[in-house]
Amino acid sequence: MANLILIRDLCEAQKMTIRELAERIGRNESTLQAAIRKGSTNSTTIELIAKELRVPAGYFFDGWEVPDTARELKKENDHLRALLAEKERTIEILMSDRNANK
């Protein structure tokens, strides 16, 4: 049986609702909610969910562990996202200063 409760955590971490996930994978929200409650769905749906949430399909099954390389890539990805956000903030500040000086 799959641990589909993890879908909720992943959606929350990615600031996505279950409804948005369902739409992205071409499924009905109520069907996805039922699958999460039951902990069961077909392999195609699990693969679609995993792809959309950017995790391996095995992530939802007991005994599966994130390989160290995946953890390192996630850490690096999080770091790069933080750098990008800071650069975007700096650009906004510079643009507002530029507009104020006109």
N, C-alpha and C. Protein backbone atom coordinates (compact mmCIF):
# COMPACT_ATOMS: atom_id res chain seq x y z
N MET A 1 0.84 -1.18 0.00
CA MET A 1 0.00 0.00 0.00
C MET A 1 0.89 1.24 0.00
N ALA A 2 0.51 2.21 -0.75
CA ALA A 2 1.28 3.45 -0.87
C ALA A 2 0.92 4.40 0.27
N ASN A 3 1.88 5.23 0.65
CA ASN A 3 1.65 6.26 1.67
C ASN A 3 1.33 7.56 0.93
N LEU A 4 0.11 7.69 0.48
CA LEU A 4 -0.29 8.83 -0.33
C LEU A 4 -0.57 10.08 0.50
N ILE A 5 -0.56 9.94 1.82
CA ILE A 5 -0.68 11.12 2.70
C ILE A 5 0.47 12.08 2.40
N LEU A 6 1.59 11.54 1.96
CA LEU A 6 2.75 12.36 1.63
C LEU A 6 2.43 13.38 0.54
N ILE A 7 1.42 13.11 -0.26
CA ILE A 7 1.02 14.04 -1.32
C ILE A 7 0.63 15.37 -0.71
N ARG A 8 -0.09 15.33 0.40
CA ARG A 8 -0.51 16.57 1.06
C ARG A 8 0.70 17.39 1.50
N ASP A 9 1.68 16.71 2.10
CA ASP A 9 2.89 17.41 2.56
C ASP A 9 3.65 18.03 1.39
N LEU A 10 3.79 17.26 0.32
CA LEU A 10 4.51 17.76 -0.85
C LEU A 10 3.78 18.94 -1.48
N CYS A 11 2.46 18.84 -1.57
CA CYS A 11 1.68 19.95 -2.13
C CYS A 11 1.84 21.20 -1.27
N GLU A 12 1.76 21.02 0.03
CA GLU A 12 1.91 22.16 0.94
C GLU A 12 3.29 22.80 0.79
N ALA A 13 4.32 21.97 0.72
CA ALA A 13 5.69 22.48 0.57
C ALA A 13 5.86 23.24 -0.74
N GLN A 14 5.12 22.84 -1.76
CA GLN A 14 5.23 23.49 -3.06
C GLN A 14 4.13 24.53 -3.28
N LYS A 15 3.41 24.84 -2.21
CA LYS A 15 2.34 25.85 -2.26
C LYS A 15 1.34 25.55 -3.37
N MET A 16 0.90 24.30 -3.38
CA MET A 16 -0.04 23.81 -4.39
C MET A 16 -1.20 23.13 -3.65
N THR A 17 -2.41 23.32 -4.13
CA THR A 17 -3.55 22.63 -3.52
C THR A 17 -3.72 21.26 -4.19
N ILE A 18 -4.47 20.41 -3.51
CA ILE A 18 -4.79 19.10 -4.07
C ILE A 18 -5.59 19.30 -5.36
N ARG A 19 -6.45 20.31 -5.38
CA ARG A 19 -7.24 20.60 -6.58
C ARG A 19 -6.31 20.95 -7.75
N GLU A 20 -5.30 21.79 -7.49
CA GLU A 20 -4.36 22.16 -8.56
C GLU A 20 -3.59 20.94 -9.06
N LEU A 21 -3.16 20.10 -8.12
CA LEU A 21 -2.45 18.88 -8.51
C LEU A 21 -3.35 18.01 -9.37
N ALA A 22 -4.59 17.83 -8.94
CA ALA A 22 -5.53 17.00 -9.70
C ALA A 22 -5.70 17.53 -11.11
N GLU A 23 -5.84 18.85 -11.24
CA GLU A 23 -5.99 19.45 -12.57
C GLU A 23 -4.75 19.22 -13.42
N ARG A 24 -3.59 19.37 -12.81
CA ARG A 24 -2.33 19.21 -13.56
C ARG A 24 -2.12 17.80 -14.07
N ILE A 25 -2.63 16.82 -13.32
CA ILE A 25 -2.44 15.43 -13.76
C ILE A 25 -3.66 14.88 -14.50
N GLY A 26 -4.65 15.74 -14.70
CA GLY A 26 -5.83 15.33 -15.46
C GLY A 26 -6.76 14.40 -14.71
N ARG A 27 -6.83 14.58 -13.40
CA ARG A 27 -7.72 13.76 -12.58
C ARG A 27 -8.71 14.66 -11.85
N ASN A 28 -9.77 14.07 -11.35
CA ASN A 28 -10.78 14.77 -10.59
C ASN A 28 -10.29 14.92 -9.14
N GLU A 29 -10.52 16.08 -8.54
CA GLU A 29 -10.06 16.31 -7.16
C GLU A 29 -10.63 15.27 -6.20
N SER A 30 -11.92 14.95 -6.31
CA SER A 30 -12.52 13.99 -5.38
C SER A 30 -11.90 12.60 -5.54
N THR A 31 -11.54 12.24 -6.75
CA THR A 31 -10.88 10.95 -6.99
C THR A 31 -9.50 10.94 -6.33
N LEU A 32 -8.77 12.04 -6.46
CA LEU A 32 -7.44 12.13 -5.86
C LEU A 32 -7.55 12.13 -4.33
N GLN A 33 -8.52 12.86 -3.78
CA GLN A 33 -8.73 12.88 -2.33
C GLN A 33 -9.05 11.47 -1.82
N ALA A 34 -9.88 10.74 -2.55
CA ALA A 34 -10.23 9.37 -2.15
C ALA A 34 -9.01 8.47 -2.19
N ALA A 35 -8.17 8.63 -3.20
CA ALA A 35 -6.95 7.82 -3.31
C ALA A 35 -6.02 8.10 -2.13
N ILE A 36 -5.92 9.36 -1.74
CA ILE A 36 -5.07 9.72 -0.61
C ILE A 36 -5.61 9.07 0.66
N ARG A 37 -6.91 9.13 0.86
CA ARG A 37 -7.53 8.52 2.06
C ARG A 37 -7.32 7.01 2.08
N LYS A 38 -7.53 6.36 0.92
CA LYS A 38 -7.40 4.90 0.84
C LYS A 38 -5.95 4.44 0.82
N GLY A 39 -5.06 5.32 0.35
CA GLY A 39 -3.66 4.93 0.21
C GLY A 39 -3.45 4.02 -0.98
N SER A 40 -4.34 4.16 -1.96
CA SER A 40 -4.27 3.25 -3.10
C SER A 40 -4.75 3.94 -4.37
N THR A 41 -4.02 3.73 -5.43
CA THR A 41 -4.41 4.18 -6.76
C THR A 41 -3.59 3.38 -7.76
N ASN A 42 -3.81 3.59 -9.03
CA ASN A 42 -3.06 2.81 -10.02
C ASN A 42 -1.66 3.41 -10.22
N SER A 43 -0.80 2.62 -10.81
CA SER A 43 0.60 3.04 -10.98
C SER A 43 0.73 4.24 -11.90
N THR A 44 -0.14 4.35 -12.89
CA THR A 44 -0.08 5.50 -13.81
C THR A 44 -0.32 6.80 -13.05
N THR A 45 -1.32 6.80 -12.17
CA THR A 45 -1.63 7.99 -11.39
C THR A 45 -0.48 8.33 -10.44
N ILE A 46 0.09 7.32 -9.80
CA ILE A 46 1.23 7.57 -8.90
C ILE A 46 2.39 8.17 -9.68
N GLU A 47 2.64 7.66 -10.86
CA GLU A 47 3.73 8.20 -11.68
C GLU A 47 3.46 9.65 -12.09
N LEU A 48 2.21 9.96 -12.44
CA LEU A 48 1.86 11.33 -12.80
C LEU A 48 2.02 12.28 -11.61
N ILE A 49 1.57 11.82 -10.44
CA ILE A 49 1.70 12.62 -9.22
C ILE A 49 3.17 12.86 -8.91
N ALA A 50 3.95 11.80 -8.95
CA ALA A 50 5.38 11.90 -8.64
C ALA A 50 6.08 12.86 -9.60
N LYS A 51 5.76 12.75 -10.86
CA LYS A 51 6.38 13.64 -11.85
C LYS A 51 6.01 15.09 -11.57
N GLU A 52 4.75 15.34 -11.29
CA GLU A 52 4.29 16.72 -11.04
C GLU A 52 4.89 17.29 -9.76
N LEU A 53 5.07 16.43 -8.75
CA LEU A 53 5.63 16.88 -7.47
C LEU A 53 7.16 16.76 -7.42
N ARG A 54 7.74 16.32 -8.52
CA ARG A 54 9.20 16.21 -8.67
C ARG A 54 9.85 15.30 -7.62
N VAL A 55 9.26 14.12 -7.46
CA VAL A 55 9.83 13.09 -6.61
C VAL A 55 9.77 11.77 -7.36
N PRO A 56 10.62 10.81 -7.01
CA PRO A 56 10.50 9.49 -7.63
C PRO A 56 9.21 8.81 -7.19
N ALA A 57 8.62 7.98 -8.02
CA ALA A 57 7.38 7.28 -7.67
C ALA A 57 7.55 6.44 -6.41
N GLY A 58 8.75 5.91 -6.19
CA GLY A 58 9.02 5.11 -5.00
C GLY A 58 8.90 5.87 -3.70
N TYR A 59 8.90 7.18 -3.78
CA TYR A 59 8.79 8.04 -2.60
C TYR A 59 7.54 7.71 -1.77
N PHE A 60 6.49 7.25 -2.42
CA PHE A 60 5.22 7.01 -1.74
C PHE A 60 5.09 5.61 -1.14
N PHE A 61 6.14 4.82 -1.19
CA PHE A 61 6.07 3.45 -0.69
C PHE A 61 6.97 3.25 0.51
N ASP A 62 6.47 2.46 1.47
CA ASP A 62 7.23 2.18 2.69
C ASP A 62 8.56 1.54 2.36
N GLY A 63 9.56 1.90 3.12
CA GLY A 63 10.89 1.34 2.95
C GLY A 63 11.74 2.06 1.93
N TRP A 64 11.16 3.01 1.24
CA TRP A 64 11.94 3.74 0.26
C TRP A 64 12.65 4.88 0.96
N GLU A 65 13.91 5.02 0.68
CA GLU A 65 14.69 6.11 1.26
C GLU A 65 15.26 6.98 0.17
N VAL A 66 15.34 8.26 0.45
CA VAL A 66 15.92 9.20 -0.50
C VAL A 66 17.42 8.95 -0.56
N PRO A 67 17.98 8.65 -1.74
CA PRO A 67 19.41 8.48 -1.85
C PRO A 67 20.13 9.78 -1.48
N ASP A 68 21.36 9.66 -0.99
CA ASP A 68 22.13 10.84 -0.61
C ASP A 68 22.26 11.83 -1.75
N THR A 69 22.43 11.33 -2.96
CA THR A 69 22.58 12.24 -4.09
C THR A 69 21.30 13.06 -4.29
N ALA A 70 20.14 12.45 -4.08
CA ALA A 70 18.88 13.17 -4.22
C ALA A 70 18.78 14.24 -3.13
N ARG A 71 19.21 13.89 -1.92
CA ARG A 71 19.18 14.86 -0.82
C ARG A 71 20.10 16.03 -1.13
N GLU A 72 21.28 15.72 -1.64
CA GLU A 72 22.23 16.78 -1.98
C GLU A 72 21.69 17.67 -3.10
N LEU A 73 21.07 17.06 -4.10
CA LEU A 73 20.49 17.84 -5.19
C LEU A 73 19.36 18.74 -4.69
N LYS A 74 18.54 18.22 -3.78
CA LYS A 74 17.46 19.03 -3.21
C LYS A 74 18.04 20.20 -2.43
N LYS A 75 19.07 19.93 -1.65
CA LYS A 75 19.71 21.00 -0.86
C LYS A 75 20.27 22.07 -1.80
N GLU A 76 20.94 21.64 -2.85
CA GLU A 76 21.50 22.59 -3.81
C GLU A 76 20.39 23.37 -4.52
N ASN A 77 19.33 22.67 -4.89
CA ASN A 77 18.20 23.31 -5.54
C ASN A 77 17.57 24.37 -4.64
N ASP A 78 17.38 24.03 -3.37
CA ASP A 78 16.83 24.99 -2.41
C ASP A 78 17.73 26.21 -2.28
N HIS A 79 19.04 25.97 -2.24
CA HIS A 79 20.01 27.07 -2.14
C HIS A 79 19.93 27.98 -3.37
N LEU A 80 19.87 27.37 -4.55
CA LEU A 80 19.79 28.16 -5.78
C LEU A 80 18.49 28.96 -5.86
N ARG A 81 17.41 28.38 -5.39
CA ARG A 81 16.14 29.12 -5.36
C ARG A 81 16.23 30.33 -4.43
N ALA A 82 16.89 30.16 -3.29
CA ALA A 82 17.07 31.28 -2.36
C ALA A 82 17.93 32.37 -2.99
N LEU A 83 19.00 31.97 -3.68
CA LEU A 83 19.83 32.96 -4.37
C LEU A 83 19.05 33.71 -5.44
N LEU A 84 18.26 32.98 -6.19
CA LEU A 84 17.46 33.60 -7.24
C LEU A 84 16.46 34.59 -6.64
N ALA A 85 15.83 34.21 -5.54
CA ALA A 85 14.87 35.11 -4.89
C ALA A 85 15.57 36.38 -4.41
N GLU A 86 16.77 36.24 -3.87
CA GLU A 86 17.53 37.41 -3.42
C GLU A 86 17.91 38.30 -4.59
N LYS A 87 18.31 37.72 -5.69
CA LYS A 87 18.66 38.51 -6.88
C LYS A 87 17.43 39.24 -7.41
N GLU A 88 16.30 38.58 -7.42
CA GLU A 88 15.06 39.22 -7.87
C GLU A 88 14.72 40.41 -6.96
N ARG A 89 14.91 40.23 -5.66
CA ARG A 89 14.64 41.31 -4.71
C ARG A 89 15.58 42.49 -4.97
N THR A 90 16.85 42.20 -5.23
CA THR A 90 17.83 43.24 -5.52
C THR A 90 17.46 44.00 -6.79
N ILE A 91 17.04 43.28 -7.81
CA ILE A 91 16.62 43.91 -9.07
C ILE A 91 15.44 44.84 -8.82
N GLU A 92 14.48 44.39 -8.04
CA GLU A 92 13.32 45.23 -7.73
C GLU A 92 13.75 46.52 -7.02
N ILE A 93 14.66 46.41 -6.07
CA ILE A 93 15.15 47.58 -5.35
C ILE A 93 15.86 48.55 -6.31
N LEU A 94 16.73 48.01 -7.14
CA LEU A 94 17.44 48.86 -8.10
C LEU A 94 16.49 49.52 -9.08
N MET A 95 15.50 48.81 -9.55
CA MET A 95 14.54 49.37 -10.48
C MET A 95 13.71 50.47 -9.82
N SER A 96 13.33 50.26 -8.56
CA SER A 96 12.54 51.29 -7.87
C SER A 96 13.40 52.52 -7.60
N ASP A 97 14.67 52.34 -7.28
CA ASP A 97 15.60 53.48 -7.11
C ASP A 97 15.76 54.24 -8.43
N ARG A 98 15.89 53.49 -9.50
CA ARG A 98 16.05 54.11 -10.81
C ARG A 98 14.82 54.93 -11.19
N ASN A 99 13.65 54.38 -10.94
CA ASN A 99 12.41 55.10 -11.26
C ASN A 99 12.22 56.30 -10.37
N ALA A 100 12.68 56.24 -9.13
CA ALA A 100 12.55 57.35 -8.21
C ALA A 100 13.47 58.51 -8.60
N ASN A 101 14.58 58.22 -9.25
CA ASN A 101 15.55 59.24 -9.63
C ASN A 101 15.21 59.89 -10.97
N LYS A 102 14.19 59.44 -11.63
CA LYS A 102 13.83 60.03 -12.94
C LYS A 102 13.05 61.31 -12.76
